[in-house]
């Protein structure tokens, strides 16, 4: 591995190891949100599958970033209160 590739890999590994729980919950939440958003948009807004799919991917990705930040904040506050 080159130094750059090795650095990126090690940084990614560190981020993963320090955020496993939050990352897993974020991924599960995002997948569920995709399915729910597609279904709701098709039923309520009467849009095509492809329009619903586009919205269901873009909007939850933004929400997943928000959820990750919220989860990290929440976990840090709870951890401080327990210590």
N, C-alpha and C. Protein backbone atom coordinates (compact mmCIF):
# COMPACT_ATOMS: atom_id res chain seq x y z
N UNK A 1 0.83 -1.19 0.00
CA UNK A 1 0.00 0.00 0.00
C UNK A 1 0.87 1.25 0.00
N UNK A 2 0.38 2.25 -0.68
CA UNK A 2 1.09 3.52 -0.63
C UNK A 2 0.79 4.20 0.70
N UNK A 3 1.57 5.19 1.01
CA UNK A 3 1.39 5.89 2.28
C UNK A 3 0.00 6.53 2.36
N UNK A 4 -0.44 7.13 1.25
CA UNK A 4 -1.77 7.77 1.22
C UNK A 4 -2.87 6.74 1.43
N UNK A 5 -2.81 5.64 0.69
CA UNK A 5 -3.81 4.59 0.81
C UNK A 5 -3.82 4.01 2.21
N UNK A 6 -2.63 3.78 2.74
CA UNK A 6 -2.52 3.23 4.10
C UNK A 6 -3.11 4.20 5.12
N UNK A 7 -2.84 5.50 4.94
CA UNK A 7 -3.39 6.50 5.87
C UNK A 7 -4.90 6.57 5.81
N UNK A 8 -5.46 6.51 4.60
CA UNK A 8 -6.92 6.54 4.45
C UNK A 8 -7.53 5.29 5.07
N UNK A 9 -6.93 4.14 4.82
CA UNK A 9 -7.44 2.89 5.39
C UNK A 9 -7.40 2.92 6.91
N UNK A 10 -6.27 3.37 7.47
CA UNK A 10 -6.15 3.42 8.93
C UNK A 10 -7.11 4.43 9.55
N UNK A 11 -7.30 5.56 8.90
CA UNK A 11 -8.24 6.56 9.40
C UNK A 11 -9.66 6.02 9.36
N UNK A 12 -10.02 5.35 8.25
CA UNK A 12 -11.35 4.76 8.13
C UNK A 12 -11.57 3.69 9.19
N UNK A 13 -10.56 2.87 9.41
CA UNK A 13 -10.65 1.81 10.42
C UNK A 13 -10.85 2.41 11.82
N UNK A 14 -10.13 3.50 12.11
CA UNK A 14 -10.26 4.15 13.41
C UNK A 14 -11.67 4.73 13.58
N UNK A 15 -12.17 5.39 12.54
CA UNK A 15 -13.52 5.96 12.60
C UNK A 15 -14.54 4.85 12.82
N UNK A 16 -14.38 3.75 12.08
CA UNK A 16 -15.30 2.61 12.23
C UNK A 16 -15.23 2.05 13.66
N UNK A 17 -14.04 1.81 14.16
CA UNK A 17 -13.88 1.20 15.48
C UNK A 17 -14.42 2.07 16.61
N UNK A 18 -14.32 3.39 16.46
CA UNK A 18 -14.81 4.27 17.53
C UNK A 18 -16.30 4.60 17.39
N UNK A 19 -16.91 4.21 16.26
CA UNK A 19 -18.31 4.57 16.02
C UNK A 19 -19.16 3.39 15.58
N UNK A 20 -18.75 2.16 15.89
CA UNK A 20 -19.47 0.97 15.40
C UNK A 20 -20.96 1.02 15.68
N UNK A 21 -21.33 1.26 16.90
CA UNK A 21 -22.75 1.25 17.28
C UNK A 21 -23.55 2.30 16.53
N UNK A 22 -23.04 3.52 16.51
CA UNK A 22 -23.74 4.60 15.82
C UNK A 22 -23.82 4.34 14.33
N UNK A 23 -22.76 3.84 13.73
CA UNK A 23 -22.77 3.57 12.29
C UNK A 23 -23.77 2.47 11.95
N UNK A 24 -23.81 1.41 12.74
CA UNK A 24 -24.75 0.32 12.47
C UNK A 24 -26.18 0.80 12.59
N UNK A 25 -26.50 1.52 13.66
CA UNK A 25 -27.85 2.05 13.82
C UNK A 25 -28.21 3.00 12.70
N UNK A 26 -27.26 3.81 12.26
CA UNK A 26 -27.50 4.74 11.17
C UNK A 26 -27.79 4.01 9.87
N UNK A 27 -27.06 2.95 9.58
CA UNK A 27 -27.28 2.17 8.36
C UNK A 27 -28.65 1.50 8.39
N UNK A 28 -29.00 0.87 9.50
CA UNK A 28 -30.31 0.22 9.62
C UNK A 28 -31.44 1.24 9.48
N UNK A 29 -31.30 2.38 10.14
CA UNK A 29 -32.29 3.45 10.04
C UNK A 29 -32.44 3.91 8.59
N UNK A 30 -31.34 4.10 7.90
CA UNK A 30 -31.36 4.60 6.53
C UNK A 30 -32.04 3.63 5.58
N UNK A 31 -31.74 2.35 5.71
CA UNK A 31 -32.38 1.33 4.86
C UNK A 31 -33.89 1.30 5.11
N UNK A 32 -34.28 1.32 6.36
CA UNK A 32 -35.71 1.36 6.69
C UNK A 32 -36.37 2.60 6.15
N UNK A 33 -35.67 3.72 6.23
CA UNK A 33 -36.23 4.97 5.74
C UNK A 33 -36.43 4.92 4.23
N UNK A 34 -35.50 4.32 3.50
CA UNK A 34 -35.68 4.16 2.04
C UNK A 34 -37.00 3.46 1.75
N UNK A 35 -37.21 2.32 2.38
CA UNK A 35 -38.42 1.52 2.11
C UNK A 35 -39.69 2.27 2.50
N UNK A 36 -39.68 2.91 3.65
CA UNK A 36 -40.86 3.64 4.11
C UNK A 36 -41.14 4.83 3.21
N UNK A 37 -40.11 5.57 2.85
CA UNK A 37 -40.30 6.76 2.01
C UNK A 37 -40.85 6.39 0.64
N UNK A 38 -40.33 5.34 0.03
CA UNK A 38 -40.83 4.92 -1.28
C UNK A 38 -42.31 4.56 -1.18
N UNK A 39 -42.65 3.77 -0.19
CA UNK A 39 -44.04 3.33 -0.02
C UNK A 39 -44.97 4.50 0.21
N UNK A 40 -44.61 5.39 1.12
CA UNK A 40 -45.47 6.53 1.44
C UNK A 40 -45.63 7.46 0.23
N UNK A 41 -44.54 7.75 -0.44
CA UNK A 41 -44.63 8.64 -1.61
C UNK A 41 -45.51 8.05 -2.69
N UNK A 42 -45.39 6.76 -2.93
CA UNK A 42 -46.21 6.14 -3.98
C UNK A 42 -47.68 6.11 -3.60
N UNK A 43 -47.97 5.89 -2.31
CA UNK A 43 -49.36 5.80 -1.87
C UNK A 43 -50.01 7.17 -1.65
N UNK A 44 -49.30 8.08 -1.03
CA UNK A 44 -49.88 9.37 -0.66
C UNK A 44 -49.77 10.40 -1.78
N UNK A 45 -48.59 10.50 -2.37
CA UNK A 45 -48.38 11.53 -3.40
C UNK A 45 -48.66 11.02 -4.80
N UNK A 46 -48.91 9.73 -4.93
CA UNK A 46 -49.22 9.12 -6.22
C UNK A 46 -48.17 9.46 -7.28
N UNK A 47 -46.91 9.26 -6.92
CA UNK A 47 -45.81 9.48 -7.86
C UNK A 47 -45.29 8.14 -8.36
N UNK A 48 -44.54 8.18 -9.44
CA UNK A 48 -43.99 6.94 -9.99
C UNK A 48 -42.92 6.36 -9.06
N UNK A 49 -42.62 5.11 -9.27
CA UNK A 49 -41.61 4.43 -8.46
C UNK A 49 -40.26 5.15 -8.57
N UNK A 50 -39.88 5.59 -9.76
CA UNK A 50 -38.56 6.21 -9.95
C UNK A 50 -38.46 7.57 -9.27
N UNK A 51 -39.52 8.34 -9.27
CA UNK A 51 -39.51 9.61 -8.54
C UNK A 51 -39.46 9.34 -7.05
N UNK A 52 -40.25 8.38 -6.58
CA UNK A 52 -40.24 8.02 -5.17
C UNK A 52 -38.87 7.49 -4.75
N UNK A 53 -38.25 6.69 -5.61
CA UNK A 53 -36.93 6.14 -5.32
C UNK A 53 -35.89 7.25 -5.20
N UNK A 54 -35.93 8.21 -6.11
CA UNK A 54 -34.98 9.33 -6.06
C UNK A 54 -35.13 10.10 -4.76
N UNK A 55 -36.35 10.47 -4.43
CA UNK A 55 -36.59 11.21 -3.19
C UNK A 55 -36.24 10.35 -1.97
N UNK A 56 -36.56 9.08 -2.05
CA UNK A 56 -36.32 8.18 -0.92
C UNK A 56 -34.84 7.94 -0.68
N UNK A 57 -34.01 8.19 -1.66
CA UNK A 57 -32.56 8.04 -1.47
C UNK A 57 -31.94 9.35 -1.01
N UNK A 58 -32.28 10.44 -1.65
CA UNK A 58 -31.66 11.73 -1.34
C UNK A 58 -32.04 12.21 0.06
N UNK A 59 -33.30 12.23 0.37
CA UNK A 59 -33.77 12.76 1.65
C UNK A 59 -33.27 11.94 2.85
N UNK A 60 -33.32 10.61 2.82
CA UNK A 60 -32.79 9.86 3.96
C UNK A 60 -31.28 9.96 4.13
N UNK A 61 -30.56 10.15 3.05
CA UNK A 61 -29.11 10.34 3.20
C UNK A 61 -28.83 11.60 4.00
N UNK A 62 -29.58 12.66 3.73
CA UNK A 62 -29.43 13.87 4.53
C UNK A 62 -29.86 13.61 5.97
N UNK A 63 -30.96 12.87 6.15
CA UNK A 63 -31.41 12.53 7.50
C UNK A 63 -30.42 11.64 8.23
N UNK A 64 -29.76 10.74 7.51
CA UNK A 64 -28.82 9.84 8.17
C UNK A 64 -27.62 10.60 8.73
N UNK A 65 -27.18 11.64 8.02
CA UNK A 65 -26.10 12.48 8.54
C UNK A 65 -26.58 13.17 9.82
N UNK A 66 -27.80 13.70 9.77
CA UNK A 66 -28.38 14.34 10.95
C UNK A 66 -28.50 13.34 12.11
N UNK A 67 -28.99 12.13 11.83
CA UNK A 67 -29.17 11.13 12.87
C UNK A 67 -27.83 10.74 13.48
N UNK A 68 -26.80 10.56 12.66
CA UNK A 68 -25.48 10.20 13.17
C UNK A 68 -24.97 11.27 14.14
N UNK A 69 -25.10 12.55 13.74
CA UNK A 69 -24.67 13.64 14.61
C UNK A 69 -25.49 13.67 15.89
N UNK A 70 -26.79 13.49 15.78
CA UNK A 70 -27.66 13.46 16.95
C UNK A 70 -27.30 12.30 17.88
N UNK A 71 -27.08 11.12 17.32
CA UNK A 71 -26.74 9.94 18.11
C UNK A 71 -25.42 10.13 18.84
N UNK A 72 -24.43 10.69 18.15
CA UNK A 72 -23.14 10.94 18.80
C UNK A 72 -23.30 11.94 19.94
N UNK A 73 -24.07 12.99 19.73
CA UNK A 73 -24.32 13.98 20.77
C UNK A 73 -25.04 13.34 21.95
N UNK A 74 -26.09 12.60 21.64
CA UNK A 74 -26.90 11.96 22.68
C UNK A 74 -26.07 10.98 23.49
N UNK A 75 -25.32 10.14 22.80
CA UNK A 75 -24.48 9.14 23.50
C UNK A 75 -23.44 9.83 24.37
N UNK A 76 -22.87 10.93 23.92
CA UNK A 76 -21.86 11.62 24.74
C UNK A 76 -22.48 12.24 25.98
N UNK A 77 -23.72 12.74 25.88
CA UNK A 77 -24.38 13.32 27.05
C UNK A 77 -24.77 12.25 28.06
N UNK A 78 -25.28 11.11 27.58
CA UNK A 78 -25.66 10.02 28.47
C UNK A 78 -24.42 9.45 29.16
N UNK A 79 -23.35 9.27 28.41
CA UNK A 79 -22.11 8.73 28.97
C UNK A 79 -21.57 9.64 30.07
N UNK A 80 -21.65 10.95 29.87
CA UNK A 80 -21.17 11.90 30.88
C UNK A 80 -22.01 11.82 32.15
N UNK A 81 -23.32 11.63 32.01
CA UNK A 81 -24.19 11.56 33.17
C UNK A 81 -23.97 10.27 33.96
N UNK A 82 -23.58 9.20 33.27
CA UNK A 82 -23.36 7.92 33.94
C UNK A 82 -22.01 7.86 34.64
N UNK A 83 -21.08 8.68 34.20
CA UNK A 83 -19.72 8.65 34.81
C UNK A 83 -19.58 9.60 35.93
